[in-house]
């Protein structure tokens, strides 16, 4: 499993949108995304910690490899 990169919340949202997620709503600095029955909450911060990123990818059902590919697409 590749190491998770340090990215901003907006970069995470952009990568998840490339994977088919849509933004449902935003509450403060947290953006709620959904794809089918899978959903996740992304903190729109300058830097998303790697533990937080790992948790939200697990919540969304996205593999690290798929996320990194979408991040660099």
PDB file of N, CA and C in Angstrom:
ATOM      1  N   UNK A   1       0.844  -1.173   0.000  1.00  0.00           N
ATOM      2  CA  UNK A   1       0.000   0.000   0.000  1.00  0.00           C
ATOM      3  C   UNK A   1       0.893   1.240   0.000  1.00  0.00           C
ATOM      4  N   UNK A   2       0.671   2.148  -0.950  1.00  0.00           N
ATOM      5  CA  UNK A   2       1.492   3.350  -0.996  1.00  0.00           C
ATOM      6  C   UNK A   2       1.188   4.279   0.179  1.00  0.00           C
ATOM      7  N   UNK A   3       2.139   5.122   0.474  1.00  0.00           N
ATOM      8  CA  UNK A   3       1.990   6.078   1.558  1.00  0.00           C
ATOM      9  C   UNK A   3       1.007   7.167   1.149  1.00  0.00           C
ATOM     10  N   UNK A   4       0.179   7.604   2.077  1.00  0.00           N
ATOM     11  CA  UNK A   4      -0.786   8.657   1.783  1.00  0.00           C
ATOM     12  C   UNK A   4      -0.085  10.003   1.673  1.00  0.00           C
ATOM     13  N   UNK A   5      -0.434  10.786   0.672  1.00  0.00           N
ATOM     14  CA  UNK A   5       0.194  12.103   0.520  1.00  0.00           C
ATOM     15  C   UNK A   5      -0.438  13.117   1.472  1.00  0.00           C
ATOM     16  N   UNK A   6       0.268  14.196   1.703  1.00  0.00           N
ATOM     17  CA  UNK A   6      -0.286  15.311   2.474  1.00  0.00           C
ATOM     18  C   UNK A   6      -0.932  16.250   1.466  1.00  0.00           C
ATOM     19  N   UNK A   7      -2.244  16.386   1.570  1.00  0.00           N
ATOM     20  CA  UNK A   7      -2.997  17.184   0.601  1.00  0.00           C
ATOM     21  C   UNK A   7      -3.967  18.093   1.340  1.00  0.00           C
ATOM     22  N   UNK A   8      -4.502  19.074   0.620  1.00  0.00           N
ATOM     23  CA  UNK A   8      -5.498  19.970   1.197  1.00  0.00           C
ATOM     24  C   UNK A   8      -6.891  19.364   1.025  1.00  0.00           C
ATOM     25  N   UNK A   9      -7.846  19.919   1.745  1.00  0.00           N
ATOM     26  CA  UNK A   9      -9.216  19.449   1.643  1.00  0.00           C
ATOM     27  C   UNK A   9      -9.790  19.617   0.251  1.00  0.00           C
ATOM     28  N   UNK A  10      -9.461  20.728  -0.403  1.00  0.00           N
ATOM     29  CA  UNK A  10      -9.986  20.958  -1.753  1.00  0.00           C
ATOM     30  C   UNK A  10      -9.410  19.957  -2.750  1.00  0.00           C
ATOM     31  N   UNK A  11      -8.149  19.543  -2.560  1.00  0.00           N
ATOM     32  CA  UNK A  11      -7.553  18.525  -3.432  1.00  0.00           C
ATOM     33  C   UNK A  11      -8.230  17.172  -3.224  1.00  0.00           C
ATOM     34  N   UNK A  12      -8.568  16.859  -1.979  1.00  0.00           N
ATOM     35  CA  UNK A  12      -9.274  15.611  -1.686  1.00  0.00           C
ATOM     36  C   UNK A  12     -10.643  15.620  -2.353  1.00  0.00           C
ATOM     37  N   UNK A  13     -11.350  16.728  -2.241  1.00  0.00           N
ATOM     38  CA  UNK A  13     -12.682  16.844  -2.843  1.00  0.00           C
ATOM     39  C   UNK A  13     -12.596  16.689  -4.353  1.00  0.00           C
ATOM     40  N   UNK A  14     -11.609  17.340  -4.980  1.00  0.00           N
ATOM     41  CA  UNK A  14     -11.436  17.254  -6.432  1.00  0.00           C
ATOM     42  C   UNK A  14     -11.161  15.817  -6.872  1.00  0.00           C
ATOM     43  N   UNK A  15     -10.301  15.118  -6.133  1.00  0.00           N
ATOM     44  CA  UNK A  15      -9.970  13.732  -6.484  1.00  0.00           C
ATOM     45  C   UNK A  15     -11.193  12.833  -6.324  1.00  0.00           C
ATOM     46  N   UNK A  16     -11.962  13.029  -5.266  1.00  0.00           N
ATOM     47  CA  UNK A  16     -13.157  12.207  -5.059  1.00  0.00           C
ATOM     48  C   UNK A  16     -14.209  12.496  -6.131  1.00  0.00           C
ATOM     49  N   UNK A  17     -14.298  13.733  -6.580  1.00  0.00           N
ATOM     50  CA  UNK A  17     -15.236  14.054  -7.654  1.00  0.00           C
ATOM     51  C   UNK A  17     -14.825  13.362  -8.945  1.00  0.00           C
ATOM     52  N   UNK A  18     -13.533  13.232  -9.189  1.00  0.00           N
ATOM     53  CA  UNK A  18     -13.065  12.490 -10.364  1.00  0.00           C
ATOM     54  C   UNK A  18     -13.426  11.015 -10.262  1.00  0.00           C
ATOM     55  N   UNK A  19     -13.599  10.522  -9.034  1.00  0.00           N
ATOM     56  CA  UNK A  19     -13.980   9.122  -8.819  1.00  0.00           C
ATOM     57  C   UNK A  19     -15.496   8.927  -8.800  1.00  0.00           C
ATOM     58  N   UNK A  20     -16.251   9.976  -9.084  1.00  0.00           N
ATOM     59  CA  UNK A  20     -17.693   9.843  -9.211  1.00  0.00           C
ATOM     60  C   UNK A  20     -18.506  10.348  -8.029  1.00  0.00           C
ATOM     61  N   UNK A  21     -17.872  10.930  -7.032  1.00  0.00           N
ATOM     62  CA  UNK A  21     -18.610  11.482  -5.895  1.00  0.00           C
ATOM     63  C   UNK A  21     -19.170  12.844  -6.270  1.00  0.00           C
ATOM     64  N   UNK A  22     -20.308  13.185  -5.669  1.00  0.00           N
ATOM     65  CA  UNK A  22     -20.884  14.514  -5.869  1.00  0.00           C
ATOM     66  C   UNK A  22     -21.000  15.192  -4.510  1.00  0.00           C
ATOM     67  N   UNK A  23     -20.883  16.508  -4.530  1.00  0.00           N
ATOM     68  CA  UNK A  23     -20.991  17.288  -3.297  1.00  0.00           C
ATOM     69  C   UNK A  23     -22.474  17.457  -2.980  1.00  0.00           C
ATOM     70  N   UNK A  24     -22.877  16.984  -1.799  1.00  0.00           N
ATOM     71  CA  UNK A  24     -24.263  17.143  -1.387  1.00  0.00           C
ATOM     72  C   UNK A  24     -24.484  18.485  -0.712  1.00  0.00           C
ATOM     73  N   UNK A  25     -23.634  18.775   0.270  1.00  0.00           N
ATOM     74  CA  UNK A  25     -23.788  20.025   1.010  1.00  0.00           C
ATOM     75  C   UNK A  25     -22.498  20.324   1.759  1.00  0.00           C
ATOM     76  N   UNK A  26     -22.441  21.531   2.309  1.00  0.00           N
ATOM     77  CA  UNK A  26     -21.308  21.924   3.126  1.00  0.00           C
ATOM     78  C   UNK A  26     -21.844  22.515   4.410  1.00  0.00           C
ATOM     79  N   UNK A  27     -21.254  22.093   5.518  1.00  0.00           N
ATOM     80  CA  UNK A  27     -21.656  22.611   6.811  1.00  0.00           C
ATOM     81  C   UNK A  27     -20.390  23.129   7.492  1.00  0.00           C
ATOM     82  N   UNK A  28     -20.223  24.434   7.491  1.00  0.00           N
ATOM     83  CA  UNK A  28     -18.995  25.016   8.011  1.00  0.00           C
ATOM     84  C   UNK A  28     -17.837  24.667   7.092  1.00  0.00           C
ATOM     85  N   UNK A  29     -16.790  24.062   7.650  1.00  0.00           N
ATOM     86  CA  UNK A  29     -15.639  23.693   6.827  1.00  0.00           C
ATOM     87  C   UNK A  29     -15.667  22.217   6.437  1.00  0.00           C
ATOM     88  N   UNK A  30     -16.792  21.548   6.636  1.00  0.00           N
ATOM     89  CA  UNK A  30     -16.899  20.127   6.297  1.00  0.00           C
ATOM     90  C   UNK A  30     -17.834  19.943   5.100  1.00  0.00           C
ATOM     91  N   UNK A  31     -17.327  19.231   4.089  1.00  0.00           N
ATOM     92  CA  UNK A  31     -18.070  19.005   2.848  1.00  0.00           C
ATOM     93  C   UNK A  31     -18.515  17.550   2.819  1.00  0.00           C
ATOM     94  N   UNK A  32     -19.801  17.328   2.568  1.00  0.00           N
ATOM     95  CA  UNK A  32     -20.373  15.980   2.530  1.00  0.00           C
ATOM     96  C   UNK A  32     -20.500  15.562   1.076  1.00  0.00           C
ATOM     97  N   UNK A  33     -19.874  14.423   0.737  1.00  0.00           N
ATOM     98  CA  UNK A  33     -19.917  13.890  -0.622  1.00  0.00           C
ATOM     99  C   UNK A  33     -20.588  12.526  -0.611  1.00  0.00           C
ATOM    100  N   UNK A  34     -21.169  12.147  -1.758  1.00  0.00           N
ATOM    101  CA  UNK A  34     -21.845  10.856  -1.856  1.00  0.00           C
ATOM    102  C   UNK A  34     -21.674  10.281  -3.248  1.00  0.00           C
ATOM    103  N   UNK A  35     -21.546   8.948  -3.290  1.00  0.00           N
ATOM    104  CA  UNK A  35     -21.541   8.191  -4.545  1.00  0.00           C
ATOM    105  C   UNK A  35     -22.351   6.940  -4.276  1.00  0.00           C
ATOM    106  N   UNK A  36     -23.563   6.886  -4.823  1.00  0.00           N
ATOM    107  CA  UNK A  36     -24.450   5.757  -4.547  1.00  0.00           C
ATOM    108  C   UNK A  36     -24.777   5.717  -3.072  1.00  0.00           C
ATOM    109  N   UNK A  37     -24.517   4.563  -2.439  1.00  0.00           N
ATOM    110  CA  UNK A  37     -24.791   4.446  -1.013  1.00  0.00           C
ATOM    111  C   UNK A  37     -23.569   4.803  -0.166  1.00  0.00           C
ATOM    112  N   UNK A  38     -22.414   5.045  -0.813  1.00  0.00           N
ATOM    113  CA  UNK A  38     -21.188   5.400  -0.101  1.00  0.00           C
ATOM    114  C   UNK A  38     -21.115   6.921   0.056  1.00  0.00           C
ATOM    115  N   UNK A  39     -20.692   7.349   1.208  1.00  0.00           N
ATOM    116  CA  UNK A  39     -20.532   8.776   1.439  1.00  0.00           C
ATOM    117  C   UNK A  39     -19.378   9.039   2.364  1.00  0.00           C
ATOM    118  N   UNK A  40     -18.958  10.291   2.419  1.00  0.00           N
ATOM    119  CA  UNK A  40     -17.873  10.662   3.325  1.00  0.00           C
ATOM    120  C   UNK A  40     -17.949  12.160   3.622  1.00  0.00           C
ATOM    121  N   UNK A  41     -17.280  12.528   4.693  1.00  0.00           N
ATOM    122  CA  UNK A  41     -17.209  13.919   5.111  1.00  0.00           C
ATOM    123  C   UNK A  41     -15.749  14.349   5.009  1.00  0.00           C
ATOM    124  N   UNK A  42     -15.497  15.400   4.226  1.00  0.00           N
ATOM    125  CA  UNK A  42     -14.136  15.881   4.010  1.00  0.00           C
ATOM    126  C   UNK A  42     -13.976  17.237   4.684  1.00  0.00           C
ATOM    127  N   UNK A  43     -13.006  17.360   5.595  1.00  0.00           N
ATOM    128  CA  UNK A  43     -12.742  18.681   6.178  1.00  0.00           C
ATOM    129  C   UNK A  43     -12.022  19.547   5.141  1.00  0.00           C
ATOM    130  N   UNK A  44     -12.559  20.708   4.866  1.00  0.00           N
ATOM    131  CA  UNK A  44     -11.966  21.599   3.867  1.00  0.00           C
ATOM    132  C   UNK A  44     -10.914  22.472   4.542  1.00  0.00           C
ATOM    133  N   UNK A  45      -9.831  21.834   4.960  1.00  0.00           N
ATOM    134  CA  UNK A  45      -8.743  22.513   5.652  1.00  0.00           C
ATOM    135  C   UNK A  45      -7.544  22.659   4.726  1.00  0.00           C
ATOM    136  N   UNK A  46      -6.584  23.461   5.148  1.00  0.00           N
ATOM    137  CA  UNK A  46      -5.379  23.677   4.343  1.00  0.00           C
ATOM    138  C   UNK A  46      -4.587  22.381   4.204  1.00  0.00           C
ATOM    139  N   UNK A  47      -4.588  21.568   5.268  1.00  0.00           N
ATOM    140  CA  UNK A  47      -3.873  20.290   5.237  1.00  0.00           C
ATOM    141  C   UNK A  47      -4.714  19.244   5.967  1.00  0.00           C
ATOM    142  N   UNK A  48      -5.010  18.145   5.275  1.00  0.00           N
ATOM    143  CA  UNK A  48      -5.757  17.045   5.881  1.00  0.00           C
ATOM    144  C   UNK A  48      -4.734  16.045   6.405  1.00  0.00           C
ATOM    145  N   UNK A  49      -4.805  15.738   7.702  1.00  0.00           N
ATOM    146  CA  UNK A  49      -3.852  14.808   8.297  1.00  0.00           C
ATOM    147  C   UNK A  49      -4.028  13.424   7.690  1.00  0.00           C
ATOM    148  N   UNK A  50      -2.935  12.654   7.662  1.00  0.00           N
ATOM    149  CA  UNK A  50      -2.963  11.356   6.991  1.00  0.00           C
ATOM    150  C   UNK A  50      -3.920  10.378   7.669  1.00  0.00           C
ATOM    151  N   UNK A  51      -4.046  10.428   8.977  1.00  0.00           N
ATOM    152  CA  UNK A  51      -4.992   9.558   9.670  1.00  0.00           C
ATOM    153  C   UNK A  51      -6.430   9.891   9.308  1.00  0.00           C
ATOM    154  N   UNK A  52      -6.722  11.176   9.206  1.00  0.00           N
ATOM    155  CA  UNK A  52      -8.050  11.632   8.800  1.00  0.00           C
ATOM    156  C   UNK A  52      -8.335  11.209   7.366  1.00  0.00           C
ATOM    157  N   UNK A  53      -7.347  11.366   6.500  1.00  0.00           N
ATOM    158  CA  UNK A  53      -7.497  10.984   5.096  1.00  0.00           C
ATOM    159  C   UNK A  53      -7.737   9.484   4.972  1.00  0.00           C
ATOM    160  N   UNK A  54      -6.987   8.684   5.719  1.00  0.00           N
ATOM    161  CA  UNK A  54      -7.166   7.230   5.687  1.00  0.00           C
ATOM    162  C   UNK A  54      -8.570   6.856   6.142  1.00  0.00           C
ATOM    163  N   UNK A  55      -9.066   7.511   7.186  1.00  0.00           N
ATOM    164  CA  UNK A  55     -10.410   7.231   7.690  1.00  0.00           C
ATOM    165  C   UNK A  55     -11.492   7.603   6.702  1.00  0.00           C
ATOM    166  N   UNK A  56     -11.345   8.745   6.052  1.00  0.00           N
ATOM    167  CA  UNK A  56     -12.401   9.146   5.115  1.00  0.00           C
ATOM    168  C   UNK A  56     -12.370   8.319   3.839  1.00  0.00           C
ATOM    169  N   UNK A  57     -11.182   7.842   3.425  1.00  0.00           N
ATOM    170  CA  UNK A  57     -11.127   6.950   2.265  1.00  0.00           C
ATOM    171  C   UNK A  57     -11.776   5.612   2.592  1.00  0.00           C
ATOM    172  N   UNK A  58     -11.576   5.127   3.818  1.00  0.00           N
ATOM    173  CA  UNK A  58     -12.218   3.886   4.245  1.00  0.00           C
ATOM    174  C   UNK A  58     -13.731   4.074   4.302  1.00  0.00           C
ATOM    175  N   UNK A  59     -14.166   5.212   4.827  1.00  0.00           N
ATOM    176  CA  UNK A  59     -15.590   5.538   4.907  1.00  0.00           C
ATOM    177  C   UNK A  59     -16.207   5.602   3.512  1.00  0.00           C
ATOM    178  N   UNK A  60     -15.449   6.120   2.542  1.00  0.00           N
ATOM    179  CA  UNK A  60     -15.947   6.273   1.183  1.00  0.00           C
ATOM    180  C   UNK A  60     -15.820   4.990   0.368  1.00  0.00           C
ATOM    181  N   UNK A  61     -15.047   4.017   0.856  1.00  0.00           N
ATOM    182  CA  UNK A  61     -14.859   2.778   0.109  1.00  0.00           C
ATOM    183  C   UNK A  61     -13.923   2.946  -1.070  1.00  0.00           C
ATOM    184  N   UNK A  62     -12.939   3.823  -0.943  1.00  0.00           N
ATOM    185  CA  UNK A  62     -11.978   4.103  -2.015  1.00  0.00           C
ATOM    186  C   UNK A  62     -10.614   3.593  -1.585  1.00  0.00           C
ATOM    187  N   UNK A  63      -9.939   2.883  -2.473  1.00  0.00           N
ATOM    188  CA  UNK A  63      -8.595   2.395  -2.150  1.00  0.00           C
ATOM    189  C   UNK A  63      -7.581   3.534  -2.274  1.00  0.00           C
ATOM    190  N   UNK A  64      -6.471   3.380  -1.589  1.00  0.00           N
ATOM    191  CA  UNK A  64      -5.421   4.397  -1.632  1.00  0.00           C
ATOM    192  C   UNK A  64      -4.874   4.534  -3.050  1.00  0.00           C
ATOM    193  N   UNK A  65      -4.708   3.400  -3.747  1.00  0.00           N
ATOM    194  CA  UNK A  65      -4.199   3.448  -5.118  1.00  0.00           C
ATOM    195  C   UNK A  65      -5.126   4.245  -6.028  1.00  0.00           C
ATOM    196  N   UNK A  66      -6.447   3.981  -5.940  1.00  0.00           N
ATOM    197  CA  UNK A  66      -7.405   4.712  -6.760  1.00  0.00           C
ATOM    198  C   UNK A  66      -7.379   6.200  -6.434  1.00  0.00           C
ATOM    199  N   UNK A  67      -7.279   6.515  -5.145  1.00  0.00           N
ATOM    200  CA  UNK A  67      -7.255   7.919  -4.733  1.00  0.00           C
ATOM    201  C   UNK A  67      -6.034   8.643  -5.295  1.00  0.00           C
ATOM    202  N   UNK A  68      -4.858   8.009  -5.201  1.00  0.00           N
ATOM    203  CA  UNK A  68      -3.629   8.646  -5.697  1.00  0.00           C
ATOM    204  C   UNK A  68      -3.684   8.826  -7.214  1.00  0.00           C
ATOM    205  N   UNK A  69      -4.249   7.834  -7.913  1.00  0.00           N
ATOM    206  CA  UNK A  69      -4.403   7.971  -9.380  1.00  0.00           C
ATOM    207  C   UNK A  69      -5.319   9.146  -9.711  1.00  0.00           C
ATOM    208  N   UNK A  70      -6.438   9.282  -8.989  1.00  0.00           N
ATOM    209  CA  UNK A  70      -7.382  10.373  -9.241  1.00  0.00           C
ATOM    210  C   UNK A  70      -6.775  11.724  -8.846  1.00  0.00           C
ATOM    211  N   UNK A  71      -5.914  11.706  -7.850  1.00  0.00           N
ATOM    212  CA  UNK A  71      -5.272  12.940  -7.387  1.00  0.00           C
ATOM    213  C   UNK A  71      -4.342  13.493  -8.451  1.00  0.00           C
ATOM    214  N   UNK A  72      -3.668  12.610  -9.184  1.00  0.00           N
ATOM    215  CA  UNK A  72      -2.706  13.042 -10.194  1.00  0.00           C
ATOM    216  C   UNK A  72      -3.283  13.068 -11.606  1.00  0.00           C
ATOM    217  N   UNK A  73      -4.570  12.792 -11.743  1.00  0.00           N
ATOM    218  CA  UNK A  73      -5.192  12.769 -13.075  1.00  0.00           C
ATOM    219  C   UNK A  73      -5.453  14.171 -13.582  1.00  0.00           C
TER     220      UNK A  73
END
